[in-house]
Amino acid sequence: MKFVPADQPKIRITTNMMTRLFIILFIALCVAPCALSADAEPLHVGMDLSYPPFETIGPDGQPSGISVEIARGLAEHLGRPLRVENIPFTGLIPALKSGKIDLILSSMTATPERAKAVAFSEPYLTTGLAALIPKDSKASNLAEIDRAGNTVIVRQGTTGEVFARRNLRAASILTLEKENACVLEVVQGKAAAFIYDQMSVFQNAKRNPDTTRALLAPLQSESWAMAFRPGDSDLLAKTNEFLAAFRASGGFNRLADKYLPEEKAAFAAQGIPFVF
């Protein structure tokens, strides 16, 4: 028989207490991200780090921005270390198909054409195409941009290029590889418009207030999503689970408040729905 000293209190663990402890442990295991294993395979995420504030290189020389934070959250959810691969936008899908990267998270619009080559996650952002125009331009819509003698700039491989080739009838279309080069054409008055996504158009108009302005009303609505190899259904399913949980926890709102406060205010002032 075991005796307990008189001055030592007895601890009674009741069935009720055991049940509560079990429930707490169960919930913790369900909602906590997977623990990072020392030998876990890195999650290779492809991005074109030339698109601030979504994908860029920070002052410390490391990947930074909204998409990088989303990628970190996903990697933590999967219990894998993150490796961001900086790849030009036109090379992202080839890199995915060749197995160099596991997924693309690079402000990529989910289109029917791209869906023939990749499998898309659930959308995480809804945006639209807009137009950056010279500040002294009288244009207020696409019809006033699409006129003979005008040049419209698009970035190679983007939905802006696809849209322009499908919808412009009179204006000439000039395709350039780099966003900065496209903007420069408008800044210098050589082009009537640069058709690109709303976020970039807003940012570029803010950087060049003396020479440009933004037509933010969407020319067409689009959704951004992550892209995967068609057979990678397990990673795709886990990513969709992460996106749902991240949205429910307010993750996207926090990123918008951190990176895009001016954009939120500008969109609200013009009565345009915000992206997240």
C-alpha atoms as a PDB file:
ATOM      1  CA  MET A   1       0.000   0.000   0.000  1.00  0.00           C
ATOM      2  CA  LYS A   2       1.266   3.504  -0.931  1.00  0.00           C
ATOM      3  CA  PHE A   3       0.875   6.269   1.665  1.00  0.00           C
ATOM      4  CA  VAL A   4       0.561   9.968   0.814  1.00  0.00           C
ATOM      5  CA  PRO A   5       2.020  12.417   3.334  1.00  0.00           C
ATOM      6  CA  ALA A   6      -0.615  14.411   5.156  1.00  0.00           C
ATOM      7  CA  ASP A   7       0.701  17.742   3.862  1.00  0.00           C
ATOM      8  CA  GLN A   8       0.627  16.701   0.184  1.00  0.00           C
ATOM      9  CA  PRO A   9      -2.771  17.329  -1.491  1.00  0.00           C
ATOM     10  CA  LYS A  10      -4.350  14.518  -3.418  1.00  0.00           C
ATOM     11  CA  ILE A  11      -5.026  15.128  -7.131  1.00  0.00           C
ATOM     12  CA  ARG A  12      -8.201  13.563  -8.450  1.00  0.00           C
ATOM     13  CA  ILE A  13      -8.415  13.275 -12.245  1.00  0.00           C
ATOM     14  CA  THR A  14     -12.055  12.832 -13.085  1.00  0.00           C
ATOM     15  CA  THR A  15     -13.572  11.459 -16.282  1.00  0.00           C
ATOM     16  CA  ASN A  16     -14.739  15.003 -17.047  1.00  0.00           C
ATOM     17  CA  MET A  17     -11.191  16.350 -16.850  1.00  0.00           C
ATOM     18  CA  MET A  18      -9.839  13.564 -19.033  1.00  0.00           C
ATOM     19  CA  THR A  19     -12.489  14.277 -21.678  1.00  0.00           C
ATOM     20  CA  ARG A  20     -11.665  17.982 -21.701  1.00  0.00           C
ATOM     21  CA  LEU A  21      -7.945  17.330 -22.000  1.00  0.00           C
ATOM     22  CA  PHE A  22      -8.554  14.974 -24.908  1.00  0.00           C
ATOM     23  CA  ILE A  23     -10.703  17.544 -26.721  1.00  0.00           C
ATOM     24  CA  ILE A  24      -8.094  20.310 -26.254  1.00  0.00           C
ATOM     25  CA  LEU A  25      -5.326  18.058 -27.572  1.00  0.00           C
ATOM     26  CA  PHE A  26      -7.445  16.956 -30.529  1.00  0.00           C
ATOM     27  CA  ILE A  27      -8.240  20.557 -31.537  1.00  0.00           C
ATOM     28  CA  ALA A  28      -4.600  21.605 -31.214  1.00  0.00           C
ATOM     29  CA  LEU A  29      -3.495  18.809 -33.504  1.00  0.00           C
ATOM     30  CA  CYS A  30      -6.160  19.653 -36.059  1.00  0.00           C
ATOM     31  CA  VAL A  31      -5.591  23.392 -36.353  1.00  0.00           C
ATOM     32  CA  ALA A  32      -1.834  23.634 -35.837  1.00  0.00           C
ATOM     33  CA  PRO A  33       0.388  23.606 -38.942  1.00  0.00           C
ATOM     34  CA  CYS A  34       2.442  20.524 -39.560  1.00  0.00           C
ATOM     35  CA  ALA A  35       5.722  20.482 -37.649  1.00  0.00           C
ATOM     36  CA  LEU A  36       8.710  21.177 -39.854  1.00  0.00           C
ATOM     37  CA  SER A  37      10.657  17.976 -40.307  1.00  0.00           C
ATOM     38  CA  ALA A  38      14.426  18.225 -40.544  1.00  0.00           C
ATOM     39  CA  ASP A  39      14.446  16.017 -43.623  1.00  0.00           C
ATOM     40  CA  ALA A  40      11.296  17.448 -45.241  1.00  0.00           C
ATOM     41  CA  GLU A  41      11.510  18.096 -48.968  1.00  0.00           C
ATOM     42  CA  PRO A  42      11.618  21.866 -49.668  1.00  0.00           C
ATOM     43  CA  LEU A  43       8.564  23.415 -51.307  1.00  0.00           C
ATOM     44  CA  HIS A  44       9.879  25.042 -54.487  1.00  0.00           C
ATOM     45  CA  VAL A  45       7.630  27.967 -55.411  1.00  0.00           C
ATOM     46  CA  GLY A  46       8.158  29.774 -58.706  1.00  0.00           C
ATOM     47  CA  MET A  47       7.782  33.564 -58.816  1.00  0.00           C
ATOM     48  CA  ASP A  48       8.829  36.415 -61.055  1.00  0.00           C
ATOM     49  CA  LEU A  49      10.268  38.738 -58.397  1.00  0.00           C
ATOM     50  CA  SER A  50       9.736  41.904 -60.417  1.00  0.00           C
ATOM     51  CA  TYR A  51       6.184  42.713 -59.375  1.00  0.00           C
ATOM     52  CA  PRO A  52       5.986  44.664 -56.106  1.00  0.00           C
ATOM     53  CA  PRO A  53       4.227  44.634 -53.722  1.00  0.00           C
ATOM     54  CA  PHE A  54       3.264  41.044 -54.568  1.00  0.00           C
ATOM     55  CA  GLU A  55       6.568  39.505 -55.645  1.00  0.00           C
ATOM     56  CA  THR A  56       9.791  41.429 -55.254  1.00  0.00           C
ATOM     57  CA  ILE A  57      13.265  41.438 -53.684  1.00  0.00           C
ATOM     58  CA  GLY A  58      13.505  43.271 -50.361  1.00  0.00           C
ATOM     59  CA  PRO A  59      16.276  45.592 -49.125  1.00  0.00           C
ATOM     60  CA  ASP A  60      17.983  42.566 -47.578  1.00  0.00           C
ATOM     61  CA  GLY A  61      18.205  40.877 -50.966  1.00  0.00           C
ATOM     62  CA  GLN A  62      15.616  38.241 -50.029  1.00  0.00           C
ATOM     63  CA  PRO A  63      12.227  37.533 -51.657  1.00  0.00           C
ATOM     64  CA  SER A  64       9.537  39.782 -50.245  1.00  0.00           C
ATOM     65  CA  GLY A  65       5.915  40.759 -50.747  1.00  0.00           C
ATOM     66  CA  ILE A  66       2.347  39.507 -50.490  1.00  0.00           C
ATOM     67  CA  SER A  67       2.892  36.319 -52.490  1.00  0.00           C
ATOM     68  CA  VAL A  68       6.026  35.489 -50.511  1.00  0.00           C
ATOM     69  CA  GLU A  69       4.074  35.732 -47.248  1.00  0.00           C
ATOM     70  CA  ILE A  70       1.340  33.504 -48.681  1.00  0.00           C
ATOM     71  CA  ALA A  71       3.998  31.007 -49.775  1.00  0.00           C
ATOM     72  CA  ARG A  72       5.531  31.011 -46.293  1.00  0.00           C
ATOM     73  CA  GLY A  73       2.134  30.296 -44.774  1.00  0.00           C
ATOM     74  CA  LEU A  74       1.530  27.442 -47.202  1.00  0.00           C
ATOM     75  CA  ALA A  75       4.978  25.922 -46.576  1.00  0.00           C
ATOM     76  CA  GLU A  76       4.409  26.098 -42.815  1.00  0.00           C
ATOM     77  CA  HIS A  77       0.982  24.490 -43.259  1.00  0.00           C
ATOM     78  CA  LEU A  78       2.629  21.647 -45.190  1.00  0.00           C
ATOM     79  CA  GLY A  79       5.545  21.301 -42.741  1.00  0.00           C
ATOM     80  CA  ARG A  80       8.104  21.957 -45.477  1.00  0.00           C
ATOM     81  CA  PRO A  81      10.882  24.541 -45.806  1.00  0.00           C
ATOM     82  CA  LEU A  82      10.250  27.187 -48.474  1.00  0.00           C
ATOM     83  CA  ARG A  83      12.443  27.799 -51.504  1.00  0.00           C
ATOM     84  CA  VAL A  84      11.427  30.691 -53.756  1.00  0.00           C
ATOM     85  CA  GLU A  85      12.723  30.318 -57.308  1.00  0.00           C
ATOM     86  CA  ASN A  86      13.013  33.622 -59.188  1.00  0.00           C
ATOM     87  CA  ILE A  87      11.993  32.880 -62.784  1.00  0.00           C
ATOM     88  CA  PRO A  88      10.889  35.246 -65.598  1.00  0.00           C
ATOM     89  CA  PHE A  89       7.109  35.141 -65.948  1.00  0.00           C
ATOM     90  CA  THR A  90       7.143  33.515 -69.391  1.00  0.00           C
ATOM     91  CA  GLY A  91       9.355  30.714 -68.031  1.00  0.00           C
ATOM     92  CA  LEU A  92       7.172  29.780 -65.043  1.00  0.00           C
ATOM     93  CA  ILE A  93       4.898  27.222 -66.718  1.00  0.00           C
ATOM     94  CA  PRO A  94       7.831  25.503 -68.519  1.00  0.00           C
ATOM     95  CA  ALA A  95       9.670  25.334 -65.160  1.00  0.00           C
ATOM     96  CA  LEU A  96       6.597  23.774 -63.542  1.00  0.00           C
ATOM     97  CA  LYS A  97       6.151  21.207 -66.302  1.00  0.00           C
ATOM     98  CA  SER A  98       9.845  20.242 -66.164  1.00  0.00           C
ATOM     99  CA  GLY A  99       9.681  19.653 -62.393  1.00  0.00           C
ATOM    100  CA  LYS A 100      12.032  22.511 -61.461  1.00  0.00           C
ATOM    101  CA  ILE A 101       9.321  23.954 -59.189  1.00  0.00           C
ATOM    102  CA  ASP A 102       6.354  22.480 -57.321  1.00  0.00           C
ATOM    103  CA  LEU A 103       3.920  25.302 -57.972  1.00  0.00           C
ATOM    104  CA  ILE A 104       3.561  28.820 -59.328  1.00  0.00           C
ATOM    105  CA  LEU A 105       2.525  31.687 -57.060  1.00  0.00           C
ATOM    106  CA  SER A 106       3.216  34.779 -59.136  1.00  0.00           C
ATOM    107  CA  SER A 107       0.091  36.918 -59.639  1.00  0.00           C
ATOM    108  CA  MET A 108      -0.936  34.530 -62.396  1.00  0.00           C
ATOM    109  CA  THR A 109      -4.409  34.900 -63.866  1.00  0.00           C
ATOM    110  CA  ALA A 110      -6.327  31.649 -64.196  1.00  0.00           C
ATOM    111  CA  THR A 111      -7.322  31.481 -67.863  1.00  0.00           C
ATOM    112  CA  PRO A 112      -8.835  28.688 -69.997  1.00  0.00           C
ATOM    113  CA  GLU A 113      -5.706  28.712 -72.151  1.00  0.00           C
ATOM    114  CA  ARG A 114      -3.364  28.199 -69.190  1.00  0.00           C
ATOM    115  CA  ALA A 115      -5.715  25.604 -67.684  1.00  0.00           C
ATOM    116  CA  LYS A 116      -4.877  23.366 -70.642  1.00  0.00           C
ATOM    117  CA  ALA A 117      -1.299  23.119 -69.325  1.00  0.00           C
ATOM    118  CA  VAL A 118      -1.676  23.489 -65.547  1.00  0.00           C
ATOM    119  CA  ALA A 119      -4.162  22.787 -62.745  1.00  0.00           C
ATOM    120  CA  PHE A 120      -5.276  25.897 -60.851  1.00  0.00           C
ATOM    121  CA  SER A 121      -6.060  26.246 -57.172  1.00  0.00           C
ATOM    122  CA  GLU A 122      -9.134  28.050 -55.924  1.00  0.00           C
ATOM    123  CA  PRO A 123      -8.772  31.785 -56.692  1.00  0.00           C
ATOM    124  CA  TYR A 124      -7.178  33.839 -53.938  1.00  0.00           C
ATOM    125  CA  LEU A 125      -7.624  37.277 -55.527  1.00  0.00           C
ATOM    126  CA  THR A 126     -10.071  38.897 -57.943  1.00  0.00           C
ATOM    127  CA  THR A 127      -8.809  41.760 -60.048  1.00  0.00           C
ATOM    128  CA  GLY A 128      -9.264  43.255 -63.499  1.00  0.00           C
ATOM    129  CA  LEU A 129      -7.379  44.777 -66.365  1.00  0.00           C
ATOM    130  CA  ALA A 130      -6.990  48.535 -66.255  1.00  0.00           C
ATOM    131  CA  ALA A 131      -5.209  51.166 -68.335  1.00  0.00           C
ATOM    132  CA  LEU A 132      -2.307  53.475 -67.548  1.00  0.00           C
ATOM    133  CA  ILE A 133      -2.624  56.517 -69.830  1.00  0.00           C
ATOM    134  CA  PRO A 134      -0.808  59.844 -70.284  1.00  0.00           C
ATOM    135  CA  LYS A 135      -1.945  62.459 -67.794  1.00  0.00           C
ATOM    136  CA  ASP A 136      -3.138  64.845 -70.522  1.00  0.00           C
ATOM    137  CA  SER A 137      -5.074  62.130 -72.376  1.00  0.00           C
ATOM    138  CA  LYS A 138      -8.793  62.793 -72.865  1.00  0.00           C
ATOM    139  CA  ALA A 139      -9.561  59.063 -72.958  1.00  0.00           C
ATOM    140  CA  SER A 140     -11.989  57.690 -70.384  1.00  0.00           C
ATOM    141  CA  ASN A 141     -12.689  54.213 -71.798  1.00  0.00           C
ATOM    142  CA  LEU A 142     -11.352  51.555 -74.146  1.00  0.00           C
ATOM    143  CA  ALA A 143     -13.138  52.904 -77.223  1.00  0.00           C
ATOM    144  CA  GLU A 144     -11.341  56.225 -76.862  1.00  0.00           C
ATOM    145  CA  ILE A 145      -7.995  54.435 -76.582  1.00  0.00           C
ATOM    146  CA  ASP A 146      -8.594  52.113 -79.545  1.00  0.00           C
ATOM    147  CA  ARG A 147      -8.136  54.652 -82.312  1.00  0.00           C
ATOM    148  CA  ALA A 148      -6.045  54.692 -85.485  1.00  0.00           C
ATOM    149  CA  GLY A 149      -2.635  56.207 -84.853  1.00  0.00           C
ATOM    150  CA  ASN A 150      -2.564  55.166 -81.198  1.00  0.00           C
ATOM    151  CA  THR A 151      -0.114  52.620 -79.803  1.00  0.00           C
ATOM    152  CA  VAL A 152      -1.175  50.396 -76.903  1.00  0.00           C
ATOM    153  CA  ILE A 153       1.537  48.730 -74.840  1.00  0.00           C
ATOM    154  CA  VAL A 154       1.168  45.247 -73.345  1.00  0.00           C
ATOM    155  CA  ARG A 155       3.528  43.026 -71.386  1.00  0.00           C
ATOM    156  CA  GLN A 156       4.530  39.826 -73.144  1.00  0.00           C
ATOM    157  CA  GLY A 157       2.710  36.682 -72.025  1.00  0.00           C
ATOM    158  CA  THR A 158       0.123  38.466 -69.876  1.00  0.00           C
ATOM    159  CA  THR A 159      -3.658  38.547 -70.087  1.00  0.00           C
ATOM    160  CA  GLY A 160      -3.308  42.197 -71.060  1.00  0.00           C
ATOM    161  CA  GLU A 161      -1.691  41.056 -74.301  1.00  0.00           C
ATOM    162  CA  VAL A 162      -4.415  38.455 -74.915  1.00  0.00           C
ATOM    163  CA  PHE A 163      -7.144  41.019 -74.214  1.00  0.00           C
ATOM    164  CA  ALA A 164      -5.616  43.639 -76.514  1.00  0.00           C
ATOM    165  CA  ARG A 165      -5.223  41.246 -79.429  1.00  0.00           C
ATOM    166  CA  ARG A 166      -8.824  40.092 -79.068  1.00  0.00           C
ATOM    167  CA  ASN A 167     -10.463  43.461 -78.545  1.00  0.00           C
ATOM    168  CA  LEU A 168      -8.463  46.259 -80.153  1.00  0.00           C
ATOM    169  CA  ARG A 169      -9.386  46.963 -83.763  1.00  0.00           C
ATOM    170  CA  ALA A 170      -7.751  50.280 -84.715  1.00  0.00           C
ATOM    171  CA  ALA A 171      -4.796  50.918 -82.397  1.00  0.00           C
ATOM    172  CA  SER A 172      -1.384  49.340 -82.928  1.00  0.00           C
ATOM    173  CA  ILE A 173      -0.183  46.861 -80.267  1.00  0.00           C
ATOM    174  CA  LEU A 174       3.407  46.870 -79.026  1.00  0.00           C
ATOM    175  CA  THR A 175       4.556  43.956 -76.845  1.00  0.00           C
ATOM    176  CA  LEU A 176       7.458  44.413 -74.425  1.00  0.00           C
ATOM    177  CA  GLU A 177       8.960  41.972 -71.923  1.00  0.00           C
ATOM    178  CA  LYS A 178       9.475  44.197 -68.863  1.00  0.00           C
ATOM    179  CA  GLU A 179       6.860  46.163 -66.955  1.00  0.00           C
ATOM    180  CA  ASN A 180       9.176  49.167 -66.507  1.00  0.00           C
ATOM    181  CA  ALA A 181       9.705  49.403 -70.257  1.00  0.00           C
ATOM    182  CA  CYS A 182       5.940  49.357 -70.818  1.00  0.00           C
ATOM    183  CA  VAL A 183       5.400  52.155 -68.307  1.00  0.00           C
ATOM    184  CA  LEU A 184       8.192  54.227 -69.830  1.00  0.00           C
ATOM    185  CA  GLU A 185       6.392  54.282 -73.185  1.00  0.00           C
ATOM    186  CA  VAL A 186       3.415  55.978 -71.515  1.00  0.00           C
ATOM    187  CA  VAL A 187       5.574  58.295 -69.379  1.00  0.00           C
ATOM    188  CA  GLN A 188       7.373  59.526 -72.501  1.00  0.00           C
ATOM    189  CA  GLY A 189       4.105  60.034 -74.373  1.00  0.00           C
ATOM    190  CA  LYS A 190       4.894  57.390 -76.992  1.00  0.00           C
ATOM    191  CA  ALA A 191       1.868  55.225 -76.168  1.00  0.00           C
ATOM    192  CA  ALA A 192      -1.821  55.925 -75.624  1.00  0.00           C
ATOM    193  CA  ALA A 193      -2.109  53.264 -72.924  1.00  0.00           C
ATOM    194  CA  PHE A 194      -0.485  50.365 -71.108  1.00  0.00           C
ATOM    195  CA  ILE A 195      -3.034  47.615 -70.394  1.00  0.00           C
ATOM    196  CA  TYR A 196      -2.164  45.695 -67.237  1.00  0.00           C
ATOM    197  CA  ASP A 197      -3.754  44.649 -63.936  1.00  0.00           C
ATOM    198  CA  GLN A 198      -5.423  47.191 -61.641  1.00  0.00           C
ATOM    199  CA  MET A 199      -2.856  46.967 -58.836  1.00  0.00           C
ATOM    200  CA  SER A 200       0.106  47.659 -61.115  1.00  0.00           C
ATOM    201  CA  VAL A 201      -1.693  50.433 -62.987  1.00  0.00           C
ATOM    202  CA  PHE A 202      -2.483  52.154 -59.681  1.00  0.00           C
ATOM    203  CA  GLN A 203       1.110  51.802 -58.440  1.00  0.00           C
ATOM    204  CA  ASN A 204       2.630  53.079 -61.677  1.00  0.00           C
ATOM    205  CA  ALA A 205       0.300  56.086 -61.793  1.00  0.00           C
ATOM    206  CA  LYS A 206       1.297  56.874 -58.188  1.00  0.00           C
ATOM    207  CA  ARG A 207       4.997  56.674 -59.099  1.00  0.00           C
ATOM    208  CA  ASN A 208       4.546  58.928 -62.135  1.00  0.00           C
ATOM    209  CA  PRO A 209       1.894  61.478 -61.102  1.00  0.00           C
ATOM    210  CA  ASP A 210       3.168  64.246 -63.396  1.00  0.00           C
ATOM    211  CA  THR A 211       2.980  62.193 -66.585  1.00  0.00           C
ATOM    212  CA  THR A 212       0.371  59.447 -66.126  1.00  0.00           C
ATOM    213  CA  ARG A 213      -3.027  58.641 -64.644  1.00  0.00           C
ATOM    214  CA  ALA A 214      -4.966  55.437 -64.048  1.00  0.00           C
ATOM    215  CA  LEU A 215      -8.238  54.264 -65.531  1.00  0.00           C
ATOM    216  CA  LEU A 216      -9.061  51.705 -62.813  1.00  0.00           C
ATOM    217  CA  ALA A 217     -12.543  50.656 -63.958  1.00  0.00           C
ATOM    218  CA  PRO A 218     -11.899  47.038 -65.034  1.00  0.00           C
ATOM    219  CA  LEU A 219     -11.761  46.314 -68.758  1.00  0.00           C
ATOM    220  CA  GLN A 220     -12.393  42.686 -67.786  1.00  0.00           C
ATOM    221  CA  SER A 221     -12.506  40.808 -64.480  1.00  0.00           C
ATOM    222  CA  GLU A 222      -9.885  38.187 -63.662  1.00  0.00           C
ATOM    223  CA  SER A 223      -8.889  35.849 -60.848  1.00  0.00           C
ATOM    224  CA  TRP A 224      -5.412  34.952 -59.651  1.00  0.00           C
ATOM    225  CA  ALA A 225      -4.649  31.414 -58.560  1.00  0.00           C
ATOM    226  CA  MET A 226      -1.700  29.127 -57.882  1.00  0.00           C
ATOM    227  CA  ALA A 227      -0.741  26.706 -60.647  1.00  0.00           C
ATOM    228  CA  PHE A 228       0.243  23.017 -60.322  1.00  0.00           C
ATOM    229  CA  ARG A 229       1.111  20.076 -62.509  1.00  0.00           C
ATOM    230  CA  PRO A 230      -2.203  18.408 -63.484  1.00  0.00           C
ATOM    231  CA  GLY A 231      -1.336  15.149 -61.718  1.00  0.00           C
ATOM    232  CA  ASP A 232      -0.324  16.753 -58.417  1.00  0.00           C
ATOM    233  CA  SER A 233      -3.791  16.447 -56.878  1.00  0.00           C
ATOM    234  CA  ASP A 234      -2.631  15.922 -53.281  1.00  0.00           C
ATOM    235  CA  LEU A 235      -0.631  19.168 -53.138  1.00  0.00           C
ATOM    236  CA  LEU A 236      -3.468  20.991 -54.894  1.00  0.00           C
ATOM    237  CA  ALA A 237      -6.035  19.750 -52.366  1.00  0.00           C
ATOM    238  CA  LYS A 238      -3.851  20.702 -49.388  1.00  0.00           C
ATOM    239  CA  THR A 239      -3.273  24.144 -50.907  1.00  0.00           C
ATOM    240  CA  ASN A 240      -7.003  24.726 -51.281  1.00  0.00           C
ATOM    241  CA  GLU A 241      -7.444  23.735 -47.625  1.00  0.00           C
ATOM    242  CA  PHE A 242      -4.778  26.255 -46.655  1.00  0.00           C
ATOM    243  CA  LEU A 243      -6.348  29.056 -48.728  1.00  0.00           C
ATOM    244  CA  ALA A 244      -9.749  28.500 -47.127  1.00  0.00           C
ATOM    245  CA  ALA A 245      -8.273  28.522 -43.615  1.00  0.00           C
ATOM    246  CA  PHE A 246      -6.059  31.544 -44.365  1.00  0.00           C
ATOM    247  CA  ARG A 247      -9.042  33.533 -45.646  1.00  0.00           C
ATOM    248  CA  ALA A 248     -11.245  32.492 -42.695  1.00  0.00           C
ATOM    249  CA  SER A 249      -8.560  33.604 -40.230  1.00  0.00           C
ATOM    250  CA  GLY A 250      -8.350  37.068 -41.807  1.00  0.00           C
ATOM    251  CA  GLY A 251      -4.961  36.450 -43.414  1.00  0.00           C
ATOM    252  CA  PHE A 252      -5.770  38.176 -46.695  1.00  0.00           C
ATOM    253  CA  ASN A 253      -7.229  41.204 -44.920  1.00  0.00           C
ATOM    254  CA  ARG A 254      -4.046  41.517 -42.867  1.00  0.00           C
ATOM    255  CA  LEU A 255      -1.900  41.428 -46.015  1.00  0.00           C
ATOM    256  CA  ALA A 256      -4.091  44.056 -47.679  1.00  0.00           C
ATOM    257  CA  ASP A 257      -3.809  46.348 -44.656  1.00  0.00           C
ATOM    258  CA  LYS A 258      -0.037  45.840 -44.541  1.00  0.00           C
ATOM    259  CA  TYR A 259       0.813  46.198 -48.221  1.00  0.00           C
ATOM    260  CA  LEU A 260      -2.132  47.901 -49.965  1.00  0.00           C
ATOM    261  CA  PRO A 261      -3.771  50.506 -47.683  1.00  0.00           C
ATOM    262  CA  GLU A 262      -3.732  53.274 -50.315  1.00  0.00           C
ATOM    263  CA  GLU A 263      -5.130  50.959 -52.962  1.00  0.00           C
ATOM    264  CA  LYS A 264      -8.006  49.959 -50.700  1.00  0.00           C
ATOM    265  CA  ALA A 265      -8.868  53.601 -50.122  1.00  0.00           C
ATOM    266  CA  ALA A 266      -8.607  54.505 -53.819  1.00  0.00           C
ATOM    267  CA  PHE A 267     -10.795  51.607 -54.897  1.00  0.00           C
ATOM    268  CA  ALA A 268     -13.379  52.494 -52.271  1.00  0.00           C
ATOM    269  CA  ALA A 269     -13.406  56.124 -53.427  1.00  0.00           C
ATOM    270  CA  GLN A 270     -14.155  55.032 -57.003  1.00  0.00           C
ATOM    271  CA  GLY A 271     -16.722  52.417 -55.945  1.00  0.00           C
ATOM    272  CA  ILE A 272     -14.604  49.556 -57.326  1.00  0.00           C
ATOM    273  CA  PRO A 273     -14.583  46.256 -55.348  1.00  0.00           C
ATOM    274  CA  PHE A 274     -11.221  45.538 -53.760  1.00  0.00           C
ATOM    275  CA  VAL A 275      -9.206  42.530 -54.819  1.00  0.00           C
ATOM    276  CA  PHE A 276      -9.182  40.245 -51.754  1.00  0.00           C
END
